[in-house]
Amino acid sequence: MRFEIRTGIGKQLLRKAQEEQSHLQLWVFQQNIAAIAFYEAMGFRLIRQTDGNGNEENAPDALYAWSR
């Protein structure tokens, strides 16, 4: 299966979730700069960062949240 990048599907899905929920949280790996930029552009704000000790990959991650 081939996925196209930057087709707007992710934005549409996230906007739908934002329409249906008043608060959302998500985790993202700190090295995923493109995803972080996307989430921040969609109104998510950094809540906290970890050293990755609590996830299976042991990779530094960050918790982001959005509220209406």
PDB file of N, CA and C in Angstrom:
ATOM      1  N   MET A   1       0.843  -1.176   0.000  1.00  0.00           N
ATOM      2  CA  MET A   1       0.000   0.000   0.000  1.00  0.00           C
ATOM      3  C   MET A   1       0.889   1.241   0.000  1.00  0.00           C
ATOM      4  N   ARG A   2       0.574   2.186  -0.831  1.00  0.00           N
ATOM      5  CA  ARG A   2       1.353   3.414  -0.953  1.00  0.00           C
ATOM      6  C   ARG A   2       0.571   4.576  -0.364  1.00  0.00           C
ATOM      7  N   PHE A   3       1.236   5.368   0.468  1.00  0.00           N
ATOM      8  CA  PHE A   3       0.610   6.533   1.078  1.00  0.00           C
ATOM      9  C   PHE A   3       1.248   7.798   0.528  1.00  0.00           C
ATOM     10  N   GLU A   4       0.438   8.738   0.176  1.00  0.00           N
ATOM     11  CA  GLU A   4       0.924  10.034  -0.278  1.00  0.00           C
ATOM     12  C   GLU A   4       1.125  10.941   0.927  1.00  0.00           C
ATOM     13  N   ILE A   5       2.163  11.727   0.887  1.00  0.00           N
ATOM     14  CA  ILE A   5       2.469  12.655   1.975  1.00  0.00           C
ATOM     15  C   ILE A   5       1.964  14.043   1.605  1.00  0.00           C
ATOM     16  N   ARG A   6       1.428  14.728   2.604  1.00  0.00           N
ATOM     17  CA  ARG A   6       0.957  16.117   2.465  1.00  0.00           C
ATOM     18  C   ARG A   6      -0.203  16.257   1.480  1.00  0.00           C
ATOM     19  N   THR A   7      -1.170  15.356   1.622  1.00  0.00           N
ATOM     20  CA  THR A   7      -2.368  15.450   0.780  1.00  0.00           C
ATOM     21  C   THR A   7      -3.526  16.107   1.514  1.00  0.00           C
ATOM     22  N   GLY A   8      -3.362  16.405   2.808  1.00  0.00           N
ATOM     23  CA  GLY A   8      -4.409  17.055   3.582  1.00  0.00           C
ATOM     24  C   GLY A   8      -5.301  16.110   4.360  1.00  0.00           C
ATOM     25  N   ILE A   9      -5.083  14.817   4.214  1.00  0.00           N
ATOM     26  CA  ILE A   9      -5.919  13.833   4.923  1.00  0.00           C
ATOM     27  C   ILE A   9      -5.739  13.953   6.432  1.00  0.00           C
ATOM     28  N   GLY A  10      -4.496  14.066   6.884  1.00  0.00           N
ATOM     29  CA  GLY A  10      -4.238  14.180   8.321  1.00  0.00           C
ATOM     30  C   GLY A  10      -4.899  15.410   8.914  1.00  0.00           C
ATOM     31  N   LYS A  11      -4.834  16.520   8.199  1.00  0.00           N
ATOM     32  CA  LYS A  11      -5.461  17.759   8.664  1.00  0.00           C
ATOM     33  C   LYS A  11      -6.971  17.583   8.757  1.00  0.00           C
ATOM     34  N   GLN A  12      -7.563  16.949   7.760  1.00  0.00           N
ATOM     35  CA  GLN A  12      -9.010  16.719   7.772  1.00  0.00           C
ATOM     36  C   GLN A  12      -9.414  15.829   8.939  1.00  0.00           C
ATOM     37  N   LEU A  13      -8.656  14.768   9.174  1.00  0.00           N
ATOM     38  CA  LEU A  13      -8.974  13.858  10.276  1.00  0.00           C
ATOM     39  C   LEU A  13      -8.825  14.550  11.629  1.00  0.00           C
ATOM     40  N   LEU A  14      -7.760  15.306  11.786  1.00  0.00           N
ATOM     41  CA  LEU A  14      -7.546  15.993  13.054  1.00  0.00           C
ATOM     42  C   LEU A  14      -8.601  17.068  13.285  1.00  0.00           C
ATOM     43  N   ARG A  15      -8.973  17.802  12.250  1.00  0.00           N
ATOM     44  CA  ARG A  15     -10.042  18.802  12.397  1.00  0.00           C
ATOM     45  C   ARG A  15     -11.356  18.138  12.800  1.00  0.00           C
ATOM     46  N   LYS A  16     -11.647  16.977  12.234  1.00  0.00           N
ATOM     47  CA  LYS A  16     -12.868  16.243  12.593  1.00  0.00           C
ATOM     48  C   LYS A  16     -12.830  15.873  14.078  1.00  0.00           C
ATOM     49  N   ALA A  17     -11.687  15.390  14.542  1.00  0.00           N
ATOM     50  CA  ALA A  17     -11.543  15.054  15.961  1.00  0.00           C
ATOM     51  C   ALA A  17     -11.714  16.301  16.827  1.00  0.00           C
ATOM     52  N   GLN A  18     -11.170  17.433  16.376  1.00  0.00           N
ATOM     53  CA  GLN A  18     -11.298  18.680  17.128  1.00  0.00           C
ATOM     54  C   GLN A  18     -12.738  19.183  17.149  1.00  0.00           C
ATOM     55  N   GLU A  19     -13.492  18.903  16.105  1.00  0.00           N
ATOM     56  CA  GLU A  19     -14.910  19.284  16.086  1.00  0.00           C
ATOM     57  C   GLU A  19     -15.719  18.462  17.083  1.00  0.00           C
ATOM     58  N   GLU A  20     -15.328  17.214  17.254  1.00  0.00           N
ATOM     59  CA  GLU A  20     -16.099  16.290  18.086  1.00  0.00           C
ATOM     60  C   GLU A  20     -15.655  16.248  19.539  1.00  0.00           C
ATOM     61  N   GLN A  21     -14.466  16.727  19.828  1.00  0.00           N
ATOM     62  CA  GLN A  21     -13.933  16.689  21.190  1.00  0.00           C
ATOM     63  C   GLN A  21     -13.545  18.103  21.626  1.00  0.00           C
ATOM     64  N   SER A  22     -13.618  18.363  22.912  1.00  0.00           N
ATOM     65  CA  SER A  22     -13.204  19.672  23.410  1.00  0.00           C
ATOM     66  C   SER A  22     -11.747  19.663  23.885  1.00  0.00           C
ATOM     67  N   HIS A  23     -11.170  18.462  24.036  1.00  0.00           N
ATOM     68  CA  HIS A  23      -9.794  18.336  24.507  1.00  0.00           C
ATOM     69  C   HIS A  23      -9.179  17.085  23.888  1.00  0.00           C
ATOM     70  N   LEU A  24      -7.973  17.225  23.352  1.00  0.00           N
ATOM     71  CA  LEU A  24      -7.235  16.091  22.790  1.00  0.00           C
ATOM     72  C   LEU A  24      -5.812  16.109  23.312  1.00  0.00           C
ATOM     73  N   GLN A  25      -5.234  14.915  23.492  1.00  0.00           N
ATOM     74  CA  GLN A  25      -3.835  14.781  23.865  1.00  0.00           C
ATOM     75  C   GLN A  25      -3.199  13.753  22.948  1.00  0.00           C
ATOM     76  N   LEU A  26      -1.910  13.926  22.683  1.00  0.00           N
ATOM     77  CA  LEU A  26      -1.188  12.949  21.873  1.00  0.00           C
ATOM     78  C   LEU A  26       0.284  12.962  22.251  1.00  0.00           C
ATOM     79  N   TRP A  27       0.922  11.829  21.986  1.00  0.00           N
ATOM     80  CA  TRP A  27       2.356  11.696  22.205  1.00  0.00           C
ATOM     81  C   TRP A  27       3.043  11.685  20.854  1.00  0.00           C
ATOM     82  N   VAL A  28       4.220  12.282  20.797  1.00  0.00           N
ATOM     83  CA  VAL A  28       5.019  12.308  19.574  1.00  0.00           C
ATOM     84  C   VAL A  28       6.486  12.180  19.971  1.00  0.00           C
ATOM     85  N   PHE A  29       7.266  11.482  19.139  1.00  0.00           N
ATOM     86  CA  PHE A  29       8.698  11.399  19.409  1.00  0.00           C
ATOM     87  C   PHE A  29       9.333  12.752  19.119  1.00  0.00           C
ATOM     88  N   GLN A  30      10.215  13.186  20.000  1.00  0.00           N
ATOM     89  CA  GLN A  30      10.842  14.496  19.873  1.00  0.00           C
ATOM     90  C   GLN A  30      11.621  14.641  18.566  1.00  0.00           C
ATOM     91  N   GLN A  31      12.106  13.561  18.026  1.00  0.00           N
ATOM     92  CA  GLN A  31      12.867  13.631  16.771  1.00  0.00           C
ATOM     93  C   GLN A  31      11.970  13.811  15.547  1.00  0.00           C
ATOM     94  N   ASN A  32      10.660  13.663  15.708  1.00  0.00           N
ATOM     95  CA  ASN A  32       9.727  13.791  14.591  1.00  0.00           C
ATOM     96  C   ASN A  32       9.319  15.258  14.421  1.00  0.00           C
ATOM     97  N   ILE A  33      10.245  16.044  13.917  1.00  0.00           N
ATOM     98  CA  ILE A  33      10.084  17.491  13.802  1.00  0.00           C
ATOM     99  C   ILE A  33       8.893  17.850  12.905  1.00  0.00           C
ATOM    100  N   ALA A  34       8.702  17.114  11.819  1.00  0.00           N
ATOM    101  CA  ALA A  34       7.586  17.412  10.905  1.00  0.00           C
ATOM    102  C   ALA A  34       6.247  17.225  11.608  1.00  0.00           C
ATOM    103  N   ALA A  35       6.110  16.161  12.380  1.00  0.00           N
ATOM    104  CA  ALA A  35       4.858  15.924  13.100  1.00  0.00           C
ATOM    105  C   ALA A  35       4.626  17.000  14.148  1.00  0.00           C
ATOM    106  N   ILE A  36       5.673  17.381  14.852  1.00  0.00           N
ATOM    107  CA  ILE A  36       5.544  18.420  15.874  1.00  0.00           C
ATOM    108  C   ILE A  36       5.102  19.733  15.232  1.00  0.00           C
ATOM    109  N   ALA A  37       5.692  20.085  14.113  1.00  0.00           N
ATOM    110  CA  ALA A  37       5.296  21.320  13.417  1.00  0.00           C
ATOM    111  C   ALA A  37       3.832  21.245  12.988  1.00  0.00           C
ATOM    112  N   PHE A  38       3.399  20.082  12.504  1.00  0.00           N
ATOM    113  CA  PHE A  38       2.006  19.890  12.105  1.00  0.00           C
ATOM    114  C   PHE A  38       1.070  20.065  13.293  1.00  0.00           C
ATOM    115  N   TYR A  39       1.361  19.385  14.393  1.00  0.00           N
ATOM    116  CA  TYR A  39       0.491  19.475  15.571  1.00  0.00           C
ATOM    117  C   TYR A  39       0.445  20.895  16.125  1.00  0.00           C
ATOM    118  N   GLU A  40       1.577  21.567  16.173  1.00  0.00           N
ATOM    119  CA  GLU A  40       1.591  22.940  16.662  1.00  0.00           C
ATOM    120  C   GLU A  40       0.786  23.854  15.737  1.00  0.00           C
ATOM    121  N   ALA A  41       0.877  23.626  14.432  1.00  0.00           N
ATOM    122  CA  ALA A  41       0.088  24.418  13.482  1.00  0.00           C
ATOM    123  C   ALA A  41      -1.404  24.168  13.652  1.00  0.00           C
ATOM    124  N   MET A  42      -1.761  23.004  14.167  1.00  0.00           N
ATOM    125  CA  MET A  42      -3.162  22.657  14.413  1.00  0.00           C
ATOM    126  C   MET A  42      -3.624  23.091  15.797  1.00  0.00           C
ATOM    127  N   GLY A  43      -2.766  23.815  16.525  1.00  0.00           N
ATOM    128  CA  GLY A  43      -3.167  24.383  17.815  1.00  0.00           C
ATOM    129  C   GLY A  43      -2.747  23.600  19.038  1.00  0.00           C
ATOM    130  N   PHE A  44      -1.995  22.526  18.880  1.00  0.00           N
ATOM    131  CA  PHE A  44      -1.526  21.745  20.020  1.00  0.00           C
ATOM    132  C   PHE A  44      -0.365  22.464  20.685  1.00  0.00           C
ATOM    133  N   ARG A  45      -0.279  22.333  22.007  1.00  0.00           N
ATOM    134  CA  ARG A  45       0.783  22.954  22.784  1.00  0.00           C
ATOM    135  C   ARG A  45       1.509  21.890  23.604  1.00  0.00           C
ATOM    136  N   LEU A  46       2.804  22.092  23.752  1.00  0.00           N
ATOM    137  CA  LEU A  46       3.639  21.164  24.504  1.00  0.00           C
ATOM    138  C   LEU A  46       3.238  21.169  25.978  1.00  0.00           C
ATOM    139  N   ILE A  47       3.027  19.983  26.522  1.00  0.00           N
ATOM    140  CA  ILE A  47       2.699  19.817  27.941  1.00  0.00           C
ATOM    141  C   ILE A  47       3.936  19.363  28.710  1.00  0.00           C
ATOM    142  N   ARG A  48       4.588  18.327  28.185  1.00  0.00           N
ATOM    143  CA  ARG A  48       5.820  17.855  28.844  1.00  0.00           C
ATOM    144  C   ARG A  48       6.632  16.996  27.894  1.00  0.00           C
ATOM    145  N   GLN A  49       7.911  16.878  28.214  1.00  0.00           N
ATOM    146  CA  GLN A  49       8.825  16.029  27.459  1.00  0.00           C
ATOM    147  C   GLN A  49       9.404  14.984  28.390  1.00  0.00           C
ATOM    148  N   THR A  50       9.732  13.813  27.837  1.00  0.00           N
ATOM    149  CA  THR A  50      10.349  12.761  28.639  1.00  0.00           C
ATOM    150  C   THR A  50      11.637  12.303  27.957  1.00  0.00           C
ATOM    151  N   ASP A  51      12.414  11.546  28.697  1.00  0.00           N
ATOM    152  CA  ASP A  51      13.646  10.987  28.142  1.00  0.00           C
ATOM    153  C   ASP A  51      13.399   9.677  27.410  1.00  0.00           C
ATOM    154  N   GLY A  52      12.155   9.235  27.365  1.00  0.00           N
ATOM    155  CA  GLY A  52      11.804   8.010  26.666  1.00  0.00           C
ATOM    156  C   GLY A  52      11.850   6.773  27.527  1.00  0.00           C
ATOM    157  N   ASN A  53      12.200   6.919  28.775  1.00  0.00           N
ATOM    158  CA  ASN A  53      12.299   5.773  29.670  1.00  0.00           C
ATOM    159  C   ASN A  53      10.965   5.046  29.828  1.00  0.00           C
ATOM    160  N   GLY A  54       9.845   5.724  29.603  1.00  0.00           N
ATOM    161  CA  GLY A  54       8.540   5.116  29.810  1.00  0.00           C
ATOM    162  C   GLY A  54       7.877   4.569  28.563  1.00  0.00           C
ATOM    163  N   ASN A  55       8.565   4.562  27.419  1.00  0.00           N
ATOM    164  CA  ASN A  55       7.945   3.989  26.223  1.00  0.00           C
ATOM    165  C   ASN A  55       8.759   2.801  25.710  1.00  0.00           C
ATOM    166  N   GLU A  56       8.147   1.989  24.878  1.00  0.00           N
ATOM    167  CA  GLU A  56       8.778   0.757  24.392  1.00  0.00           C
ATOM    168  C   GLU A  56      10.049   1.018  23.588  1.00  0.00           C
ATOM    169  N   GLU A  57      10.089   2.144  22.881  1.00  0.00           N
ATOM    170  CA  GLU A  57      11.231   2.446  22.021  1.00  0.00           C
ATOM    171  C   GLU A  57      12.385   3.091  22.776  1.00  0.00           C
ATOM    172  N   ASN A  58      12.130   3.488  24.024  1.00  0.00           N
ATOM    173  CA  ASN A  58      13.130   4.213  24.821  1.00  0.00           C
ATOM    174  C   ASN A  58      13.654   5.439  24.082  1.00  0.00           C
ATOM    175  N   ALA A  59      12.752   6.109  23.355  1.00  0.00           N
ATOM    176  CA  ALA A  59      13.106   7.310  22.597  1.00  0.00           C
ATOM    177  C   ALA A  59      12.430   8.517  23.239  1.00  0.00           C
ATOM    178  N   PRO A  60      13.143   9.626  23.358  1.00  0.00           N
ATOM    179  CA  PRO A  60      12.539  10.826  23.945  1.00  0.00           C
ATOM    180  C   PRO A  60      11.253  11.195  23.234  1.00  0.00           C
ATOM    181  N   ASP A  61      10.226  11.474  24.023  1.00  0.00           N
ATOM    182  CA  ASP A  61       8.930  11.827  23.441  1.00  0.00           C
ATOM    183  C   ASP A  61       8.357  13.056  24.119  1.00  0.00           C
ATOM    184  N   ALA A  62       7.222  13.506  23.619  1.00  0.00           N
ATOM    185  CA  ALA A  62       6.604  14.708  24.163  1.00  0.00           C
ATOM    186  C   ALA A  62       5.091  14.554  24.135  1.00  0.00           C
ATOM    187  N   LEU A  63       4.453  15.070  25.157  1.00  0.00           N
ATOM    188  CA  LEU A  63       3.004  15.074  25.244  1.00  0.00           C
ATOM    189  C   LEU A  63       2.505  16.444  24.794  1.00  0.00           C
ATOM    190  N   TYR A  64       1.579  16.440  23.852  1.00  0.00           N
ATOM    191  CA  TYR A  64       0.957  17.667  23.360  1.00  0.00           C
ATOM    192  C   TYR A  64      -0.536  17.613  23.652  1.00  0.00           C
ATOM    193  N   ALA A  65      -1.134  18.780  23.861  1.00  0.00           N
ATOM    194  CA  ALA A  65      -2.561  18.855  24.142  1.00  0.00           C
ATOM    195  C   ALA A  65      -3.190  20.006  23.372  1.00  0.00           C
ATOM    196  N   TRP A  66      -4.451  19.828  23.080  1.00  0.00           N
ATOM    197  CA  TRP A  66      -5.255  20.859  22.427  1.00  0.00           C
ATOM    198  C   TRP A  66      -6.584  20.967  23.170  1.00  0.00           C
ATOM    199  N   SER A  67      -7.056  22.184  23.364  1.00  0.00           N
ATOM    200  CA  SER A  67      -8.363  22.412  23.979  1.00  0.00           C
ATOM    201  C   SER A  67      -9.093  23.486  23.194  1.00  0.00           C
ATOM    202  N   ARG A  68     -10.378  23.323  23.103  1.00  0.00           N
ATOM    203  CA  ARG A  68     -11.209  24.306  22.403  1.00  0.00           C
ATOM    204  C   ARG A  68     -11.235  25.606  23.163  1.00  0.00           C
TER     205      ARG A  68
END
